[in-house]
PDB file of N, CA and C in Angstrom:
ATOM      1  N   MET A   1       0.942  -1.146  -0.055  1.00  0.00           N
ATOM      2  CA  MET A   1       0.057  -0.106  -0.132  1.00  0.00           C
ATOM      3  C   MET A   1       0.854   1.139   0.003  1.00  0.00           C
ATOM      4  N   ILE A   2       1.802   1.225   0.852  1.00  0.00           N
ATOM      5  CA  ILE A   2       2.731   2.463   0.808  1.00  0.00           C
ATOM      6  C   ILE A   2       3.520   2.611  -0.281  1.00  0.00           C
ATOM      7  N   GLU A   3       3.809   1.592  -1.116  1.00  0.00           N
ATOM      8  CA  GLU A   3       4.489   1.740  -2.462  1.00  0.00           C
ATOM      9  C   GLU A   3       3.549   2.286  -3.423  1.00  0.00           C
ATOM     10  N   LYS A   4       2.375   1.930  -3.387  1.00  0.00           N
ATOM     11  CA  LYS A   4       1.381   2.356  -4.317  1.00  0.00           C
ATOM     12  C   LYS A   4       1.181   3.840  -4.110  1.00  0.00           C
ATOM     13  N   VAL A   5       1.030   4.252  -2.989  1.00  0.00           N
ATOM     14  CA  VAL A   5       0.930   5.572  -2.681  1.00  0.00           C
ATOM     15  C   VAL A   5       2.078   6.550  -2.966  1.00  0.00           C
ATOM     16  N   ARG A   6       3.191   5.863  -2.821  1.00  0.00           N
ATOM     17  CA  ARG A   6       4.495   6.656  -2.976  1.00  0.00           C
ATOM     18  C   ARG A   6       4.685   6.893  -4.760  1.00  0.00           C
ATOM     19  N   ASN A   7       4.214   5.831  -5.389  1.00  0.00           N
ATOM     20  CA  ASN A   7       4.277   6.097  -6.890  1.00  0.00           C
ATOM     21  C   ASN A   7       3.298   7.040  -7.265  1.00  0.00           C
ATOM     22  N   LEU A   8       2.157   7.212  -6.743  1.00  0.00           N
ATOM     23  CA  LEU A   8       1.141   8.234  -7.161  1.00  0.00           C
ATOM     24  C   LEU A   8       1.725   9.501  -6.751  1.00  0.00           C
ATOM     25  N   VAL A   9       2.358   9.733  -5.504  1.00  0.00           N
ATOM     26  CA  VAL A   9       2.870  10.953  -5.286  1.00  0.00           C
ATOM     27  C   VAL A   9       3.858  11.374  -6.157  1.00  0.00           C
ATOM     28  N   ASN A  10       4.677  10.424  -6.448  1.00  0.00           N
ATOM     29  CA  ASN A  10       5.872  10.446  -7.326  1.00  0.00           C
ATOM     30  C   ASN A  10       5.424  11.178  -8.677  1.00  0.00           C
ATOM     31  N   GLU A  11       4.279  10.655  -9.251  1.00  0.00           N
ATOM     32  CA  GLU A  11       3.851  11.111 -10.475  1.00  0.00           C
ATOM     33  C   GLU A  11       3.133  12.482 -10.222  1.00  0.00           C
ATOM     34  N   LEU A  12       2.480  12.743  -9.039  1.00  0.00           N
ATOM     35  CA  LEU A  12       2.157  14.046  -8.879  1.00  0.00           C
ATOM     36  C   LEU A  12       3.286  15.188  -8.912  1.00  0.00           C
ATOM     37  N   LEU A  13       4.345  14.757  -8.199  1.00  0.00           N
ATOM     38  CA  LEU A  13       5.382  15.707  -8.135  1.00  0.00           C
ATOM     39  C   LEU A  13       6.170  15.892  -9.329  1.00  0.00           C
ATOM     40  N   ALA A  14       6.079  14.951 -10.208  1.00  0.00           N
ATOM     41  CA  ALA A  14       6.849  14.995 -11.446  1.00  0.00           C
ATOM     42  C   ALA A  14       6.369  16.358 -12.422  1.00  0.00           C
ATOM     43  N   LYS A  15       4.858  16.563 -12.078  1.00  0.00           N
ATOM     44  CA  LYS A  15       4.290  17.680 -12.732  1.00  0.00           C
ATOM     45  C   LYS A  15       4.570  19.193 -12.088  1.00  0.00           C
ATOM     46  N   ASP A  16       4.981  19.171 -10.774  1.00  0.00           N
ATOM     47  CA  ASP A  16       5.196  20.187  -9.946  1.00  0.00           C
ATOM     48  C   ASP A  16       6.529  20.712  -9.651  1.00  0.00           C
ATOM     49  N   ASN A  17       6.942  21.901  -9.958  1.00  0.00           N
ATOM     50  CA  ASN A  17       8.326  22.402  -9.906  1.00  0.00           C
ATOM     51  C   ASN A  17       8.499  23.171  -8.907  1.00  0.00           C
ATOM     52  N   PHE A  18       7.501  23.480  -7.932  1.00  0.00           N
ATOM     53  CA  PHE A  18       7.564  24.324  -6.972  1.00  0.00           C
ATOM     54  C   PHE A  18       7.479  23.872  -5.518  1.00  0.00           C
ATOM     55  N   GLY A  19       7.105  22.686  -5.408  1.00  0.00           N
ATOM     56  CA  GLY A  19       7.010  21.978  -4.002  1.00  0.00           C
ATOM     57  C   GLY A  19       8.183  21.073  -3.647  1.00  0.00           C
ATOM     58  N   HIS A  20       7.908  20.301  -2.626  1.00  0.00           N
ATOM     59  CA  HIS A  20       9.019  19.424  -2.293  1.00  0.00           C
ATOM     60  C   HIS A  20       9.253  18.250  -3.290  1.00  0.00           C
ATOM     61  N   GLY A  21      10.402  17.799  -3.178  1.00  0.00           N
ATOM     62  CA  GLY A  21      10.669  16.624  -4.078  1.00  0.00           C
ATOM     63  C   GLY A  21      10.333  15.198  -3.482  1.00  0.00           C
ATOM     64  N   MET A  22      10.894  14.247  -4.089  1.00  0.00           N
ATOM     65  CA  MET A  22      10.642  12.777  -3.608  1.00  0.00           C
ATOM     66  C   MET A  22      11.531  12.617  -2.217  1.00  0.00           C
ATOM     67  N   GLU A  23      12.816  13.170  -2.495  1.00  0.00           N
ATOM     68  CA  GLU A  23      13.748  13.036  -1.326  1.00  0.00           C
ATOM     69  C   GLU A  23      13.118  13.515  -0.043  1.00  0.00           C
ATOM     70  N   HIS A  24      12.394  14.507  -0.098  1.00  0.00           N
ATOM     71  CA  HIS A  24      11.806  15.026   1.054  1.00  0.00           C
ATOM     72  C   HIS A  24      10.645  14.126   1.496  1.00  0.00           C
ATOM     73  N   ILE A  25       9.723  13.784   0.550  1.00  0.00           N
ATOM     74  CA  ILE A  25       8.673  12.961   0.923  1.00  0.00           C
ATOM     75  C   ILE A  25       9.203  11.399   1.518  1.00  0.00           C
ATOM     76  N   ASP A  26      10.350  10.961   1.037  1.00  0.00           N
ATOM     77  CA  ASP A  26      10.845   9.769   1.470  1.00  0.00           C
ATOM     78  C   ASP A  26      11.319   9.934   3.182  1.00  0.00           C
ATOM     79  N   ARG A  27      11.919  11.027   3.340  1.00  0.00           N
ATOM     80  CA  ARG A  27      12.293  11.268   4.507  1.00  0.00           C
ATOM     81  C   ARG A  27      11.087  11.442   5.621  1.00  0.00           C
ATOM     82  N   VAL A  28      10.122  11.976   5.098  1.00  0.00           N
ATOM     83  CA  VAL A  28       8.857  12.232   5.907  1.00  0.00           C
ATOM     84  C   VAL A  28       8.198  10.754   6.177  1.00  0.00           C
ATOM     85  N   LEU A  29       8.206  10.089   4.991  1.00  0.00           N
ATOM     86  CA  LEU A  29       7.688   8.608   5.093  1.00  0.00           C
ATOM     87  C   LEU A  29       8.375   7.935   6.316  1.00  0.00           C
ATOM     88  N   ALA A  30       9.795   7.821   6.114  1.00  0.00           N
ATOM     89  CA  ALA A  30      10.720   7.238   7.235  1.00  0.00           C
ATOM     90  C   ALA A  30      10.516   7.655   8.502  1.00  0.00           C
ATOM     91  N   LEU A  31      10.511   8.907   8.772  1.00  0.00           N
ATOM     92  CA  LEU A  31      10.252   9.524  10.071  1.00  0.00           C
ATOM     93  C   LEU A  31       8.805   9.057  10.549  1.00  0.00           C
ATOM     94  N   SER A  32       7.770   9.018   9.710  1.00  0.00           N
ATOM     95  CA  SER A  32       6.510   8.698  10.102  1.00  0.00           C
ATOM     96  C   SER A  32       6.431   7.202  10.477  1.00  0.00           C
ATOM     97  N   LEU A  33       7.081   6.420   9.908  1.00  0.00           N
ATOM     98  CA  LEU A  33       7.001   4.913  10.147  1.00  0.00           C
ATOM     99  C   LEU A  33       7.855   4.707  11.403  1.00  0.00           C
ATOM    100  N   LYS A  34       8.943   5.599  11.692  1.00  0.00           N
ATOM    101  CA  LYS A  34       9.670   5.186  13.033  1.00  0.00           C
ATOM    102  C   LYS A  34       8.866   5.716  14.271  1.00  0.00           C
ATOM    103  N   PHE A  35       8.142   6.864  14.038  1.00  0.00           N
ATOM    104  CA  PHE A  35       7.219   7.308  15.005  1.00  0.00           C
ATOM    105  C   PHE A  35       6.136   6.324  15.214  1.00  0.00           C
ATOM    106  N   ALA A  36       5.421   5.808  14.143  1.00  0.00           N
ATOM    107  CA  ALA A  36       4.470   4.637  14.441  1.00  0.00           C
ATOM    108  C   ALA A  36       4.857   3.408  15.164  1.00  0.00           C
ATOM    109  N   LYS A  37       6.239   3.099  14.569  1.00  0.00           N
ATOM    110  CA  LYS A  37       6.790   1.982  15.390  1.00  0.00           C
ATOM    111  C   LYS A  37       6.990   2.204  16.871  1.00  0.00           C
ATOM    112  N   LYS A  38       7.635   3.477  17.156  1.00  0.00           N
ATOM    113  CA  LYS A  38       7.669   3.633  18.637  1.00  0.00           C
ATOM    114  C   LYS A  38       6.538   3.780  19.396  1.00  0.00           C
ATOM    115  N   ASN A  39       5.470   4.420  18.657  1.00  0.00           N
ATOM    116  CA  ASN A  39       4.285   4.484  19.416  1.00  0.00           C
ATOM    117  C   ASN A  39       3.719   3.153  19.693  1.00  0.00           C
ATOM    118  N   MET A  40       3.657   2.147  18.759  1.00  0.00           N
ATOM    119  CA  MET A  40       3.216   0.920  19.011  1.00  0.00           C
ATOM    120  C   MET A  40       3.935   0.009  20.269  1.00  0.00           C
ATOM    121  N   GLU A  41       5.376   0.347  20.282  1.00  0.00           N
ATOM    122  CA  GLU A  41       6.225  -0.122  21.205  1.00  0.00           C
ATOM    123  C   GLU A  41       5.704   0.352  22.754  1.00  0.00           C
ATOM    124  N   MET A  42       5.485   1.733  22.732  1.00  0.00           N
ATOM    125  CA  MET A  42       4.983   2.388  23.903  1.00  0.00           C
ATOM    126  C   MET A  42       3.542   1.798  24.380  1.00  0.00           C
ATOM    127  N   ASN A  43       2.659   1.784  23.383  1.00  0.00           N
ATOM    128  CA  ASN A  43       1.568   1.170  23.643  1.00  0.00           C
ATOM    129  C   ASN A  43       1.472  -0.365  24.196  1.00  0.00           C
ATOM    130  N   PHE A  44       2.575  -1.134  23.762  1.00  0.00           N
ATOM    131  CA  PHE A  44       2.581  -2.388  24.360  1.00  0.00           C
ATOM    132  C   PHE A  44       3.235  -2.504  25.643  1.00  0.00           C
ATOM    133  N   LEU A  45       4.221  -1.431  25.831  1.00  0.00           N
ATOM    134  CA  LEU A  45       4.753  -1.319  27.318  1.00  0.00           C
ATOM    135  C   LEU A  45       3.790  -0.721  28.198  1.00  0.00           C
ATOM    136  N   PHE A  46       3.006   0.224  27.867  1.00  0.00           N
ATOM    137  CA  PHE A  46       2.137   1.059  28.794  1.00  0.00           C
ATOM    138  C   PHE A  46       0.757   1.040  28.201  1.00  0.00           C
ATOM    139  N   PRO A  47       0.068   0.066  28.223  1.00  0.00           N
ATOM    140  CA  PRO A  47      -1.326   0.088  27.669  1.00  0.00           C
ATOM    141  C   PRO A  47      -2.313   0.853  28.338  1.00  0.00           C
TER     142      PRO A  47
END
């Protein structure tokens, strides 16, 4: 699912020269997944 959304975003960004590039999107995705993993760990430890 993430790869499908990433591909769609990449297509949209290819048409836009004024916004963030895929490098930024990849950094945001990686950070989001890191936060989600940490949050799941915290919920496991402190329900």
